[in-house]
Amino acid sequence: MYRRVNSNGFIGLTTLGIVIVMVIFTVVIWRLVSEVLVLTSVMSEMNESFKGIVVDMDVMTDSVVEMNGNLVAIRESMDDMDGNMVTMTGEISKMNGSVGEVNVGVQKMSLAMGAMTSNISVMTADLNRLSEAFSNPMGYMFNGGPFPF
């Protein structure tokens, strides 16, 4: 048995078996390492992506805070506008009453204008008689004037 274990063929086959096992082990380890390298590069890219996400989240947070401030300002403006609308409604109600008073005043003024127009007609007739009296005093006195003959 000793001879058989120490024979060149057995040592060669054993060495060849060890080399084959080592080659398989090396290939398996090499593939494992290459997968670990791929995994490492993917994780590195994910880290960079997470950094970008964090920056984007900070920008989004600032934008949301700014939007919130703008919404508060809009709400305050709308509250002011609501108050102004209430005031304007009150003023329009007052103006509506004033318009009614103006309408009554215009009606009274229209009646006064009618009376004034009538008085101007009487005045015109009087001026016409006066002008006739100055231009023809004798005709005025005796032809329909103060003397009935």
Foldseek 3Di string as FASTA:
>chain_A
DVCVCPPPVNVVVVVVVVVVVVVVVVVVVVVVVVVVVVVVVVVVVVVVVVVVVVVVVVVVVVVVVVVVVVVVVVVVVVVVVVVVVVVVVVVVVVVVVVVVVVVVVVVVVVVVVVVVVVVVVVVVVVVVLVVVCVVPVVCQCDVVHPDPD
